[in-house]
Amino acid sequence: MTEHTEEPLILTLELAPDEQAWAQAQRNLYFPPQRNIVPAHITLFHTLRAEHEALVLEIMNKPRPAPLVRIEAPVLLGHGVAYRLFCLLEP
């Protein structure tokens, strides 16, 4: 068996400008400045195998309604904190 050496894919959700501004303000206020390297973001998947990139892009490029997401209480992650999200997407 050969080992796949490519870095895993990270899939994030794009926010509307107003929500992105709010999330970034929260990050600037509460996240340690020395660790504040990337903008505020919502990670959907953080270890998708790189060999499946074409399939991931094919699925992502299909038109679909944007999900409605409710931001809930913060959750401890061990090395940080995240907001719990609840998807309100209707079929």
N, C-alpha and C. Protein backbone atom coordinates (compact mmCIF):
# COMPACT_ATOMS: atom_id res chain seq x y z
N MET A 1 0.85 -1.18 0.00
CA MET A 1 0.00 0.00 0.00
C MET A 1 0.89 1.24 0.00
N THR A 2 0.59 2.20 -0.87
CA THR A 2 1.38 3.43 -0.92
C THR A 2 0.75 4.47 -0.01
N GLU A 3 1.59 5.26 0.59
CA GLU A 3 1.10 6.31 1.49
C GLU A 3 0.84 7.57 0.67
N HIS A 4 -0.33 8.18 0.89
CA HIS A 4 -0.69 9.42 0.20
C HIS A 4 -0.09 10.57 0.99
N THR A 5 0.76 11.38 0.36
CA THR A 5 1.51 12.40 1.09
C THR A 5 0.95 13.80 0.95
N GLU A 6 -0.09 14.01 0.15
CA GLU A 6 -0.64 15.35 0.00
C GLU A 6 -1.35 15.79 1.28
N GLU A 7 -1.33 17.09 1.51
CA GLU A 7 -2.02 17.65 2.67
C GLU A 7 -3.53 17.45 2.51
N PRO A 8 -4.25 17.24 3.62
CA PRO A 8 -5.70 17.08 3.52
C PRO A 8 -6.38 18.39 3.11
N LEU A 9 -7.56 18.26 2.56
CA LEU A 9 -8.35 19.43 2.18
C LEU A 9 -9.10 19.95 3.40
N ILE A 10 -9.27 21.25 3.46
CA ILE A 10 -10.05 21.89 4.51
C ILE A 10 -11.18 22.63 3.81
N LEU A 11 -12.41 22.33 4.17
CA LEU A 11 -13.58 22.93 3.53
C LEU A 11 -14.25 23.87 4.53
N THR A 12 -14.36 25.15 4.13
CA THR A 12 -14.98 26.14 5.01
C THR A 12 -16.23 26.72 4.35
N LEU A 13 -17.09 27.28 5.16
CA LEU A 13 -18.34 27.89 4.71
C LEU A 13 -18.12 29.40 4.58
N GLU A 14 -18.49 29.96 3.44
CA GLU A 14 -18.37 31.40 3.24
C GLU A 14 -19.55 32.10 3.90
N LEU A 15 -19.27 33.17 4.62
CA LEU A 15 -20.31 33.95 5.29
C LEU A 15 -20.65 35.18 4.47
N ALA A 16 -21.88 35.67 4.65
CA ALA A 16 -22.28 36.94 4.07
C ALA A 16 -21.43 38.04 4.72
N PRO A 17 -21.20 39.15 4.02
CA PRO A 17 -20.29 40.20 4.54
C PRO A 17 -20.60 40.68 5.96
N ASP A 18 -21.87 40.91 6.29
CA ASP A 18 -22.21 41.38 7.65
C ASP A 18 -21.86 40.34 8.71
N GLU A 19 -22.16 39.08 8.43
CA GLU A 19 -21.86 38.01 9.38
C GLU A 19 -20.34 37.80 9.50
N GLN A 20 -19.63 37.93 8.37
CA GLN A 20 -18.17 37.80 8.40
C GLN A 20 -17.56 38.91 9.26
N ALA A 21 -18.08 40.13 9.13
CA ALA A 21 -17.57 41.25 9.92
C ALA A 21 -17.81 41.00 11.41
N TRP A 22 -19.00 40.49 11.76
CA TRP A 22 -19.31 40.19 13.17
C TRP A 22 -18.36 39.10 13.69
N ALA A 23 -18.19 38.03 12.91
CA ALA A 23 -17.34 36.92 13.33
C ALA A 23 -15.89 37.39 13.50
N GLN A 24 -15.41 38.23 12.59
CA GLN A 24 -14.04 38.72 12.70
C GLN A 24 -13.88 39.63 13.92
N ALA A 25 -14.88 40.43 14.20
CA ALA A 25 -14.83 41.29 15.40
C ALA A 25 -14.76 40.42 16.66
N GLN A 26 -15.53 39.34 16.72
CA GLN A 26 -15.48 38.42 17.85
C GLN A 26 -14.09 37.79 17.97
N ARG A 27 -13.55 37.37 16.84
CA ARG A 27 -12.22 36.74 16.82
C ARG A 27 -11.16 37.74 17.30
N ASN A 28 -11.24 38.97 16.82
CA ASN A 28 -10.27 39.99 17.23
C ASN A 28 -10.36 40.29 18.73
N LEU A 29 -11.56 40.23 19.27
CA LEU A 29 -11.79 40.54 20.67
C LEU A 29 -11.34 39.41 21.60
N TYR A 30 -11.60 38.16 21.22
CA TYR A 30 -11.40 37.04 22.14
C TYR A 30 -10.27 36.07 21.78
N PHE A 31 -9.78 36.08 20.56
CA PHE A 31 -8.76 35.13 20.15
C PHE A 31 -7.39 35.74 20.36
N PRO A 32 -6.41 34.98 20.88
CA PRO A 32 -5.08 35.55 21.12
C PRO A 32 -4.47 36.13 19.84
N PRO A 33 -4.04 37.37 19.86
CA PRO A 33 -3.53 38.02 18.64
C PRO A 33 -2.39 37.26 17.98
N GLN A 34 -1.52 36.62 18.76
CA GLN A 34 -0.39 35.89 18.19
C GLN A 34 -0.83 34.63 17.44
N ARG A 35 -2.04 34.16 17.69
CA ARG A 35 -2.57 32.98 16.99
C ARG A 35 -3.61 33.37 15.95
N ASN A 36 -3.89 34.64 15.81
CA ASN A 36 -4.92 35.13 14.90
C ASN A 36 -4.32 35.28 13.49
N ILE A 37 -4.03 34.16 12.85
CA ILE A 37 -3.34 34.15 11.56
C ILE A 37 -4.31 34.17 10.38
N VAL A 38 -5.38 33.43 10.48
CA VAL A 38 -6.37 33.38 9.40
C VAL A 38 -7.63 34.11 9.84
N PRO A 39 -8.41 34.63 8.90
CA PRO A 39 -9.66 35.32 9.28
C PRO A 39 -10.65 34.36 9.95
N ALA A 40 -11.63 34.93 10.60
CA ALA A 40 -12.70 34.13 11.19
C ALA A 40 -13.30 33.24 10.11
N HIS A 41 -13.65 32.01 10.48
CA HIS A 41 -14.11 31.05 9.48
C HIS A 41 -14.97 29.98 10.14
N ILE A 42 -15.72 29.29 9.30
CA ILE A 42 -16.50 28.13 9.74
C ILE A 42 -15.94 26.93 9.00
N THR A 43 -15.33 26.03 9.73
CA THR A 43 -14.78 24.82 9.13
C THR A 43 -15.86 23.75 9.08
N LEU A 44 -16.14 23.26 7.88
CA LEU A 44 -17.09 22.17 7.72
C LEU A 44 -16.38 20.82 7.82
N PHE A 45 -15.24 20.71 7.15
CA PHE A 45 -14.42 19.50 7.18
C PHE A 45 -12.97 19.94 7.25
N HIS A 46 -12.16 19.27 8.05
CA HIS A 46 -10.76 19.68 8.16
C HIS A 46 -9.79 18.57 7.79
N THR A 47 -10.27 17.41 7.38
CA THR A 47 -9.36 16.33 6.99
C THR A 47 -9.88 15.54 5.81
N LEU A 48 -10.44 16.21 4.81
CA LEU A 48 -10.83 15.50 3.60
C LEU A 48 -9.58 15.07 2.85
N ARG A 49 -9.57 13.86 2.35
CA ARG A 49 -8.39 13.35 1.65
C ARG A 49 -8.20 14.08 0.32
N ALA A 50 -6.99 14.56 0.09
CA ALA A 50 -6.66 15.35 -1.09
C ALA A 50 -6.94 14.60 -2.39
N GLU A 51 -6.85 13.30 -2.36
CA GLU A 51 -7.09 12.52 -3.58
C GLU A 51 -8.54 12.62 -4.05
N HIS A 52 -9.43 13.13 -3.21
CA HIS A 52 -10.84 13.28 -3.58
C HIS A 52 -11.21 14.71 -3.96
N GLU A 53 -10.20 15.54 -4.24
CA GLU A 53 -10.44 16.95 -4.54
C GLU A 53 -11.42 17.14 -5.70
N ALA A 54 -11.28 16.40 -6.79
CA ALA A 54 -12.16 16.56 -7.95
C ALA A 54 -13.61 16.27 -7.57
N LEU A 55 -13.85 15.23 -6.79
CA LEU A 55 -15.21 14.90 -6.37
C LEU A 55 -15.77 15.98 -5.44
N VAL A 56 -14.95 16.47 -4.53
CA VAL A 56 -15.39 17.54 -3.61
C VAL A 56 -15.78 18.77 -4.41
N LEU A 57 -14.95 19.16 -5.38
CA LEU A 57 -15.26 20.34 -6.21
C LEU A 57 -16.52 20.12 -7.03
N GLU A 58 -16.71 18.93 -7.55
CA GLU A 58 -17.92 18.63 -8.34
C GLU A 58 -19.17 18.80 -7.47
N ILE A 59 -19.13 18.28 -6.27
CA ILE A 59 -20.28 18.39 -5.36
C ILE A 59 -20.50 19.84 -4.95
N MET A 60 -19.42 20.55 -4.63
CA MET A 60 -19.54 21.94 -4.18
C MET A 60 -20.08 22.86 -5.26
N ASN A 61 -19.79 22.56 -6.52
CA ASN A 61 -20.20 23.43 -7.62
C ASN A 61 -21.64 23.21 -8.08
N LYS A 62 -22.35 22.28 -7.48
CA LYS A 62 -23.75 22.07 -7.83
C LYS A 62 -24.58 23.17 -7.16
N PRO A 63 -25.49 23.79 -7.93
CA PRO A 63 -26.32 24.85 -7.33
C PRO A 63 -27.21 24.29 -6.22
N ARG A 64 -27.33 25.05 -5.16
CA ARG A 64 -28.21 24.68 -4.05
C ARG A 64 -28.47 25.92 -3.21
N PRO A 65 -29.56 25.93 -2.49
CA PRO A 65 -29.83 27.10 -1.64
C PRO A 65 -28.81 27.16 -0.49
N ALA A 66 -28.50 28.37 -0.10
CA ALA A 66 -27.59 28.54 1.04
C ALA A 66 -28.31 28.10 2.32
N PRO A 67 -27.61 27.42 3.20
CA PRO A 67 -28.27 27.00 4.45
C PRO A 67 -28.47 28.19 5.37
N LEU A 68 -29.51 28.14 6.16
CA LEU A 68 -29.71 29.11 7.22
C LEU A 68 -29.03 28.54 8.45
N VAL A 69 -28.18 29.32 9.07
CA VAL A 69 -27.41 28.83 10.21
C VAL A 69 -27.65 29.73 11.40
N ARG A 70 -27.93 29.11 12.53
CA ARG A 70 -28.09 29.86 13.79
C ARG A 70 -26.82 29.66 14.60
N ILE A 71 -26.26 30.76 15.09
CA ILE A 71 -25.07 30.71 15.93
C ILE A 71 -25.52 30.58 17.37
N GLU A 72 -25.00 29.55 18.04
CA GLU A 72 -25.40 29.28 19.42
C GLU A 72 -24.22 29.51 20.37
N ALA A 73 -24.32 28.96 21.55
CA ALA A 73 -23.34 29.19 22.62
C ALA A 73 -21.95 28.68 22.26
N PRO A 74 -20.91 29.30 22.80
CA PRO A 74 -19.54 28.83 22.58
C PRO A 74 -19.32 27.44 23.17
N VAL A 75 -18.37 26.71 22.55
CA VAL A 75 -18.02 25.36 22.98
C VAL A 75 -16.50 25.28 23.12
N LEU A 76 -16.01 24.70 24.21
CA LEU A 76 -14.57 24.50 24.38
C LEU A 76 -14.10 23.38 23.47
N LEU A 77 -12.97 23.61 22.77
CA LEU A 77 -12.42 22.62 21.84
C LEU A 77 -11.14 21.98 22.36
N GLY A 78 -10.68 22.35 23.49
CA GLY A 78 -9.41 21.84 24.01
C GLY A 78 -8.33 22.88 23.90
N HIS A 79 -8.04 23.31 22.66
CA HIS A 79 -7.02 24.35 22.45
C HIS A 79 -7.67 25.64 21.96
N GLY A 80 -8.94 25.78 22.15
CA GLY A 80 -9.63 26.98 21.70
C GLY A 80 -11.12 26.87 21.97
N VAL A 81 -11.85 27.81 21.41
CA VAL A 81 -13.29 27.89 21.59
C VAL A 81 -13.92 28.13 20.23
N ALA A 82 -15.09 27.55 20.02
CA ALA A 82 -15.84 27.78 18.78
C ALA A 82 -17.30 28.00 19.14
N TYR A 83 -18.00 28.65 18.26
CA TYR A 83 -19.44 28.77 18.44
C TYR A 83 -20.10 27.52 17.89
N ARG A 84 -21.08 27.00 18.61
CA ARG A 84 -21.88 25.87 18.11
C ARG A 84 -22.82 26.44 17.05
N LEU A 85 -22.94 25.74 15.93
CA LEU A 85 -23.82 26.17 14.85
C LEU A 85 -24.93 25.16 14.68
N PHE A 86 -26.10 25.65 14.30
CA PHE A 86 -27.24 24.79 14.06
C PHE A 86 -27.78 25.14 12.68
N CYS A 87 -27.84 24.16 11.79
CA CYS A 87 -28.30 24.38 10.42
C CYS A 87 -29.80 24.29 10.37
N LEU A 88 -30.43 25.29 9.73
CA LEU A 88 -31.89 25.37 9.63
C LEU A 88 -32.38 25.10 8.22
N LEU A 89 -31.55 24.48 7.38
CA LEU A 89 -31.90 24.24 5.99
C LEU A 89 -33.13 23.35 5.88
N GLU A 90 -34.11 23.80 5.13
CA GLU A 90 -35.31 23.01 4.90
C GLU A 90 -35.16 22.25 3.59
N PRO A 91 -35.73 21.04 3.49
CA PRO A 91 -35.62 20.26 2.25
C PRO A 91 -36.32 20.91 1.08
